[in-house]
């Protein structure tokens, strides 16, 4: 007597995952410059000078550092 054997169908090879684009220094600098331009434009349009005050910027930086370190 012979025993029938079956082979498992070949699995289609999945495409390798695409590498995540890295943030380079020029891109980071452009993002920072864009953020400064947006904040300055909002200050000019609204007339709210407190947006760019030293205390406001230092508080924003102080709150953003832990988030940046965690990310």
PDB file of N, CA and C in Angstrom:
ATOM      1  N   UNK A   1       0.822  -1.179   0.000  1.00  0.00           N
ATOM      2  CA  UNK A   1       0.000   0.000   0.000  1.00  0.00           C
ATOM      3  C   UNK A   1       0.871   1.250   0.000  1.00  0.00           C
ATOM      4  N   UNK A   2       0.389   2.213  -0.668  1.00  0.00           N
ATOM      5  CA  UNK A   2       1.122   3.471  -0.683  1.00  0.00           C
ATOM      6  C   UNK A   2       0.290   4.557  -0.002  1.00  0.00           C
ATOM      7  N   UNK A   3       0.956   5.460   0.616  1.00  0.00           N
ATOM      8  CA  UNK A   3       0.281   6.556   1.315  1.00  0.00           C
ATOM      9  C   UNK A   3       0.415   7.814   0.466  1.00  0.00           C
ATOM     10  N   UNK A   4      -0.713   8.435   0.164  1.00  0.00           N
ATOM     11  CA  UNK A   4      -0.617   9.674  -0.618  1.00  0.00           C
ATOM     12  C   UNK A   4      -0.010  10.795   0.242  1.00  0.00           C
ATOM     13  N   UNK A   5       0.872  11.529  -0.346  1.00  0.00           N
ATOM     14  CA  UNK A   5       1.470  12.673   0.357  1.00  0.00           C
ATOM     15  C   UNK A   5       1.117  13.942  -0.391  1.00  0.00           C
ATOM     16  N   UNK A   6       0.908  14.960   0.359  1.00  0.00           N
ATOM     17  CA  UNK A   6       0.621  16.259  -0.253  1.00  0.00           C
ATOM     18  C   UNK A   6       1.666  17.251   0.240  1.00  0.00           C
ATOM     19  N   UNK A   7       1.998  18.139  -0.620  1.00  0.00           N
ATOM     20  CA  UNK A   7       2.945  19.180  -0.241  1.00  0.00           C
ATOM     21  C   UNK A   7       2.170  20.462  -0.005  1.00  0.00           C
ATOM     22  N   UNK A   8       2.645  21.224   0.923  1.00  0.00           N
ATOM     23  CA  UNK A   8       2.000  22.503   1.220  1.00  0.00           C
ATOM     24  C   UNK A   8       2.242  23.449   0.051  1.00  0.00           C
ATOM     25  N   UNK A   9       1.226  24.213  -0.295  1.00  0.00           N
ATOM     26  CA  UNK A   9       1.426  25.172  -1.391  1.00  0.00           C
ATOM     27  C   UNK A   9       2.465  26.218  -0.988  1.00  0.00           C
ATOM     28  N   UNK A  10       3.213  26.646  -1.969  1.00  0.00           N
ATOM     29  CA  UNK A  10       4.242  27.645  -1.695  1.00  0.00           C
ATOM     30  C   UNK A  10       3.577  28.971  -1.354  1.00  0.00           C
ATOM     31  N   UNK A  11       4.083  29.578  -0.302  1.00  0.00           N
ATOM     32  CA  UNK A  11       3.554  30.878   0.108  1.00  0.00           C
ATOM     33  C   UNK A  11       4.192  31.961  -0.752  1.00  0.00           C
ATOM     34  N   UNK A  12       3.367  32.910  -1.111  1.00  0.00           N
ATOM     35  CA  UNK A  12       3.902  34.034  -1.870  1.00  0.00           C
ATOM     36  C   UNK A  12       4.772  34.864  -0.936  1.00  0.00           C
ATOM     37  N   UNK A  13       5.929  35.218  -1.418  1.00  0.00           N
ATOM     38  CA  UNK A  13       6.826  35.998  -0.580  1.00  0.00           C
ATOM     39  C   UNK A  13       6.291  37.412  -0.459  1.00  0.00           C
ATOM     40  N   UNK A  14       6.174  37.848   0.785  1.00  0.00           N
ATOM     41  CA  UNK A  14       5.713  39.210   1.025  1.00  0.00           C
ATOM     42  C   UNK A  14       6.834  40.183   0.673  1.00  0.00           C
ATOM     43  N   UNK A  15       6.423  41.331   0.216  1.00  0.00           N
ATOM     44  CA  UNK A  15       7.408  42.351  -0.119  1.00  0.00           C
ATOM     45  C   UNK A  15       8.100  42.798   1.167  1.00  0.00           C
ATOM     46  N   UNK A  16       9.384  43.051   1.106  1.00  0.00           N
ATOM     47  CA  UNK A  16      10.078  43.500   2.316  1.00  0.00           C
ATOM     48  C   UNK A  16       9.520  44.858   2.753  1.00  0.00           C
ATOM     49  N   UNK A  17       9.444  45.100   4.051  1.00  0.00           N
ATOM     50  CA  UNK A  17       8.900  46.380   4.509  1.00  0.00           C
ATOM     51  C   UNK A  17       9.779  47.534   4.043  1.00  0.00           C
ATOM     52  N   UNK A  18       9.109  48.592   3.640  1.00  0.00           N
ATOM     53  CA  UNK A  18       9.856  49.755   3.171  1.00  0.00           C
ATOM     54  C   UNK A  18      10.486  50.468   4.358  1.00  0.00           C
ATOM     55  N   UNK A  19      11.708  50.905   4.215  1.00  0.00           N
ATOM     56  CA  UNK A  19      12.347  51.606   5.333  1.00  0.00           C
ATOM     57  C   UNK A  19      11.678  52.958   5.577  1.00  0.00           C
ATOM     58  N   UNK A  20      11.608  53.314   6.836  1.00  0.00           N
ATOM     59  CA  UNK A  20      11.000  54.584   7.208  1.00  0.00           C
ATOM     60  C   UNK A  20      11.935  55.727   6.835  1.00  0.00           C
ATOM     61  N   UNK A  21      11.420  56.782   6.221  1.00  0.00           N
ATOM     62  CA  UNK A  21      12.310  57.892   5.868  1.00  0.00           C
ATOM     63  C   UNK A  21      12.869  58.542   7.134  1.00  0.00           C
ATOM     64  N   UNK A  22      14.141  58.853   7.096  1.00  0.00           N
ATOM     65  CA  UNK A  22      14.798  59.435   8.260  1.00  0.00           C
ATOM     66  C   UNK A  22      14.745  60.950   8.180  1.00  0.00           C
ATOM     67  N   UNK A  23      14.656  61.577   9.359  1.00  0.00           N
ATOM     68  CA  UNK A  23      14.695  63.026   9.421  1.00  0.00           C
ATOM     69  C   UNK A  23      16.157  63.455   9.382  1.00  0.00           C
ATOM     70  N   UNK A  24      16.508  64.207   8.377  1.00  0.00           N
ATOM     71  CA  UNK A  24      17.874  64.702   8.262  1.00  0.00           C
ATOM     72  C   UNK A  24      17.932  66.119   8.818  1.00  0.00           C
ATOM     73  N   UNK A  25      19.136  66.598   9.065  1.00  0.00           N
ATOM     74  CA  UNK A  25      19.283  67.937   9.626  1.00  0.00           C
ATOM     75  C   UNK A  25      18.659  69.018   8.741  1.00  0.00           C
ATOM     76  N   UNK A  26      18.832  68.990   7.439  1.00  0.00           N
ATOM     77  CA  UNK A  26      18.182  70.023   6.626  1.00  0.00           C
ATOM     78  C   UNK A  26      16.657  70.011   6.766  1.00  0.00           C
ATOM     79  N   UNK A  27      16.073  68.832   6.868  1.00  0.00           N
ATOM     80  CA  UNK A  27      14.618  68.753   7.014  1.00  0.00           C
ATOM     81  C   UNK A  27      14.195  69.307   8.369  1.00  0.00           C
ATOM     82  N   UNK A  28      14.942  68.980   9.417  1.00  0.00           N
ATOM     83  CA  UNK A  28      14.623  69.488  10.754  1.00  0.00           C
ATOM     84  C   UNK A  28      14.732  71.007  10.778  1.00  0.00           C
ATOM     85  N   UNK A  29      15.775  71.540  10.169  1.00  0.00           N
ATOM     86  CA  UNK A  29      15.947  72.993  10.138  1.00  0.00           C
ATOM     87  C   UNK A  29      14.834  73.671   9.350  1.00  0.00           C
ATOM     88  N   UNK A  30      14.402  73.055   8.262  1.00  0.00           N
ATOM     89  CA  UNK A  30      13.287  73.621   7.504  1.00  0.00           C
ATOM     90  C   UNK A  30      12.000  73.590   8.308  1.00  0.00           C
ATOM     91  N   UNK A  31      11.780  72.532   9.064  1.00  0.00           N
ATOM     92  CA  UNK A  31      10.584  72.454   9.907  1.00  0.00           C
ATOM     93  C   UNK A  31      10.601  73.522  10.997  1.00  0.00           C
ATOM     94  N   UNK A  32      11.750  73.733  11.612  1.00  0.00           N
ATOM     95  CA  UNK A  32      11.866  74.761  12.647  1.00  0.00           C
ATOM     96  C   UNK A  32      11.653  76.146  12.045  1.00  0.00           C
ATOM     97  N   UNK A  33      12.240  76.394  10.890  1.00  0.00           N
ATOM     98  CA  UNK A  33      12.057  77.687  10.230  1.00  0.00           C
ATOM     99  C   UNK A  33      10.593  77.902   9.856  1.00  0.00           C
ATOM    100  N   UNK A  34       9.937  76.859   9.363  1.00  0.00           N
ATOM    101  CA  UNK A  34       8.518  76.964   9.030  1.00  0.00           C
ATOM    102  C   UNK A  34       7.669  77.253  10.247  1.00  0.00           C
ATOM    103  N   UNK A  35       7.991  76.617  11.367  1.00  0.00           N
ATOM    104  CA  UNK A  35       7.252  76.860  12.600  1.00  0.00           C
ATOM    105  C   UNK A  35       7.418  78.305  13.062  1.00  0.00           C
ATOM    106  N   UNK A  36       8.636  78.822  12.978  1.00  0.00           N
ATOM    107  CA  UNK A  36       8.867  80.218  13.366  1.00  0.00           C
ATOM    108  C   UNK A  36       8.118  81.186  12.460  1.00  0.00           C
ATOM    109  N   UNK A  37       8.072  80.887  11.184  1.00  0.00           N
ATOM    110  CA  UNK A  37       7.350  81.750  10.246  1.00  0.00           C
ATOM    111  C   UNK A  37       5.856  81.723  10.542  1.00  0.00           C
ATOM    112  N   UNK A  38       5.317  80.548  10.837  1.00  0.00           N
ATOM    113  CA  UNK A  38       3.885  80.439  11.142  1.00  0.00           C
ATOM    114  C   UNK A  38       3.543  81.196  12.419  1.00  0.00           C
ATOM    115  N   UNK A  39       4.373  81.033  13.458  1.00  0.00           N
ATOM    116  CA  UNK A  39       4.114  81.736  14.721  1.00  0.00           C
ATOM    117  C   UNK A  39       4.209  83.244  14.512  1.00  0.00           C
ATOM    118  N   UNK A  40       5.184  83.694  13.745  1.00  0.00           N
ATOM    119  CA  UNK A  40       5.324  85.126  13.479  1.00  0.00           C
ATOM    120  C   UNK A  40       4.141  85.662  12.688  1.00  0.00           C
ATOM    121  N   UNK A  41       3.670  84.894  11.712  1.00  0.00           N
ATOM    122  CA  UNK A  41       2.521  85.331  10.916  1.00  0.00           C
ATOM    123  C   UNK A  41       1.265  85.410  11.775  1.00  0.00           C
ATOM    124  N   UNK A  42       1.062  84.439  12.651  1.00  0.00           N
ATOM    125  CA  UNK A  42      -0.108  84.475  13.541  1.00  0.00           C
ATOM    126  C   UNK A  42      -0.028  85.683  14.459  1.00  0.00           C
ATOM    127  N   UNK A  43       1.164  85.984  14.957  1.00  0.00           N
ATOM    128  CA  UNK A  43       1.336  87.151  15.828  1.00  0.00           C
ATOM    129  C   UNK A  43       1.010  88.447  15.088  1.00  0.00           C
ATOM    130  N   UNK A  44       1.453  88.550  13.843  1.00  0.00           N
ATOM    131  CA  UNK A  44       1.178  89.763  13.074  1.00  0.00           C
ATOM    132  C   UNK A  44      -0.298  89.891  12.728  1.00  0.00           C
ATOM    133  N   UNK A  45      -0.931  88.786  12.357  1.00  0.00           N
ATOM    134  CA  UNK A  45      -2.337  88.829  11.945  1.00  0.00           C
ATOM    135  C   UNK A  45      -3.247  89.122  13.129  1.00  0.00           C
ATOM    136  N   UNK A  46      -3.004  88.460  14.263  1.00  0.00           N
ATOM    137  CA  UNK A  46      -3.898  88.611  15.412  1.00  0.00           C
ATOM    138  C   UNK A  46      -3.528  89.786  16.295  1.00  0.00           C
ATOM    139  N   UNK A  47      -2.298  90.238  16.236  1.00  0.00           N
ATOM    140  CA  UNK A  47      -1.863  91.328  17.095  1.00  0.00           C
ATOM    141  C   UNK A  47      -1.583  90.875  18.521  1.00  0.00           C
ATOM    142  N   UNK A  48      -1.528  89.582  18.744  1.00  0.00           N
ATOM    143  CA  UNK A  48      -1.253  89.042  20.076  1.00  0.00           C
ATOM    144  C   UNK A  48       0.254  88.934  20.257  1.00  0.00           C
ATOM    145  N   UNK A  49       0.846  89.960  20.865  1.00  0.00           N
ATOM    146  CA  UNK A  49       2.298  89.974  21.023  1.00  0.00           C
ATOM    147  C   UNK A  49       2.773  88.976  22.073  1.00  0.00           C
ATOM    148  N   UNK A  50       1.887  88.507  22.936  1.00  0.00           N
ATOM    149  CA  UNK A  50       2.276  87.558  23.972  1.00  0.00           C
ATOM    150  C   UNK A  50       2.642  86.192  23.434  1.00  0.00           C
ATOM    151  N   UNK A  51       2.284  85.916  22.171  1.00  0.00           N
ATOM    152  CA  UNK A  51       2.588  84.603  21.588  1.00  0.00           C
ATOM    153  C   UNK A  51       4.091  84.389  21.497  1.00  0.00           C
ATOM    154  N   UNK A  52       4.822  85.447  21.167  1.00  0.00           N
ATOM    155  CA  UNK A  52       6.270  85.304  20.996  1.00  0.00           C
ATOM    156  C   UNK A  52       7.047  85.842  22.190  1.00  0.00           C
ATOM    157  N   UNK A  53       6.399  86.027  23.328  1.00  0.00           N
ATOM    158  CA  UNK A  53       7.100  86.499  24.521  1.00  0.00           C
ATOM    159  C   UNK A  53       8.089  85.434  24.991  1.00  0.00           C
ATOM    160  N   UNK A  54       9.110  85.875  25.691  1.00  0.00           N
ATOM    161  CA  UNK A  54      10.154  84.956  26.147  1.00  0.00           C
ATOM    162  C   UNK A  54       9.594  83.878  27.055  1.00  0.00           C
ATOM    163  N   UNK A  55       8.730  84.255  27.975  1.00  0.00           N
ATOM    164  CA  UNK A  55       8.153  83.278  28.900  1.00  0.00           C
ATOM    165  C   UNK A  55       7.315  82.239  28.182  1.00  0.00           C
ATOM    166  N   UNK A  56       6.589  82.675  27.185  1.00  0.00           N
ATOM    167  CA  UNK A  56       5.737  81.749  26.425  1.00  0.00           C
ATOM    168  C   UNK A  56       6.581  80.743  25.647  1.00  0.00           C
ATOM    169  N   UNK A  57       7.631  81.220  25.008  1.00  0.00           N
ATOM    170  CA  UNK A  57       8.491  80.323  24.235  1.00  0.00           C
ATOM    171  C   UNK A  57       9.255  79.356  25.138  1.00  0.00           C
ATOM    172  N   UNK A  58       9.722  79.837  26.291  1.00  0.00           N
ATOM    173  CA  UNK A  58      10.452  78.935  27.190  1.00  0.00           C
ATOM    174  C   UNK A  58       9.519  77.883  27.779  1.00  0.00           C
ATOM    175  N   UNK A  59       8.275  78.255  28.064  1.00  0.00           N
ATOM    176  CA  UNK A  59       7.308  77.271  28.566  1.00  0.00           C
ATOM    177  C   UNK A  59       6.990  76.233  27.493  1.00  0.00           C
ATOM    178  N   UNK A  60       6.849  76.668  26.258  1.00  0.00           N
ATOM    179  CA  UNK A  60       6.570  75.725  25.169  1.00  0.00           C
ATOM    180  C   UNK A  60       7.742  74.766  24.978  1.00  0.00           C
ATOM    181  N   UNK A  61       8.953  75.287  25.055  1.00  0.00           N
ATOM    182  CA  UNK A  61      10.134  74.436  24.914  1.00  0.00           C
ATOM    183  C   UNK A  61      10.258  73.468  26.089  1.00  0.00           C
ATOM    184  N   UNK A  62       9.975  73.973  27.296  1.00  0.00           N
ATOM    185  CA  UNK A  62      10.057  73.127  28.487  1.00  0.00           C
ATOM    186  C   UNK A  62       9.045  71.984  28.425  1.00  0.00           C
ATOM    187  N   UNK A  63       7.878  72.223  27.855  1.00  0.00           N
ATOM    188  CA  UNK A  63       6.867  71.178  27.734  1.00  0.00           C
ATOM    189  C   UNK A  63       7.140  70.245  26.554  1.00  0.00           C
ATOM    190  N   UNK A  64       7.833  70.733  25.531  1.00  0.00           N
ATOM    191  CA  UNK A  64       8.069  69.915  24.338  1.00  0.00           C
ATOM    192  C   UNK A  64       9.242  68.952  24.501  1.00  0.00           C
ATOM    193  N   UNK A  65      10.190  69.267  25.365  1.00  0.00           N
ATOM    194  CA  UNK A  65      11.377  68.419  25.512  1.00  0.00           C
ATOM    195  C   UNK A  65      11.028  67.010  25.987  1.00  0.00           C
ATOM    196  N   UNK A  66      10.208  66.831  27.035  1.00  0.00           N
ATOM    197  CA  UNK A  66       9.880  65.452  27.432  1.00  0.00           C
ATOM    198  C   UNK A  66       9.137  64.675  26.346  1.00  0.00           C
ATOM    199  N   UNK A  67       8.292  65.366  25.609  1.00  0.00           N
ATOM    200  CA  UNK A  67       7.568  64.703  24.522  1.00  0.00           C
ATOM    201  C   UNK A  67       8.548  64.272  23.436  1.00  0.00           C
ATOM    202  N   UNK A  68       9.501  65.132  23.117  1.00  0.00           N
ATOM    203  CA  UNK A  68      10.506  64.789  22.116  1.00  0.00           C
ATOM    204  C   UNK A  68      11.401  63.645  22.557  1.00  0.00           C
ATOM    205  N   UNK A  69      11.740  63.604  23.838  1.00  0.00           N
ATOM    206  CA  UNK A  69      12.581  62.522  24.335  1.00  0.00           C
ATOM    207  C   UNK A  69      11.834  61.197  24.366  1.00  0.00           C
ATOM    208  N   UNK A  70      10.533  61.243  24.575  1.00  0.00           N
ATOM    209  CA  UNK A  70       9.745  60.010  24.633  1.00  0.00           C
ATOM    210  C   UNK A  70       9.475  59.456  23.244  1.00  0.00           C
ATOM    211  N   UNK A  71       9.438  60.322  22.236  1.00  0.00           N
ATOM    212  CA  UNK A  71       9.052  59.902  20.904  1.00  0.00           C
ATOM    213  C   UNK A  71      10.096  59.173  20.188  1.00  0.00           C
TER     214      UNK A  71
END
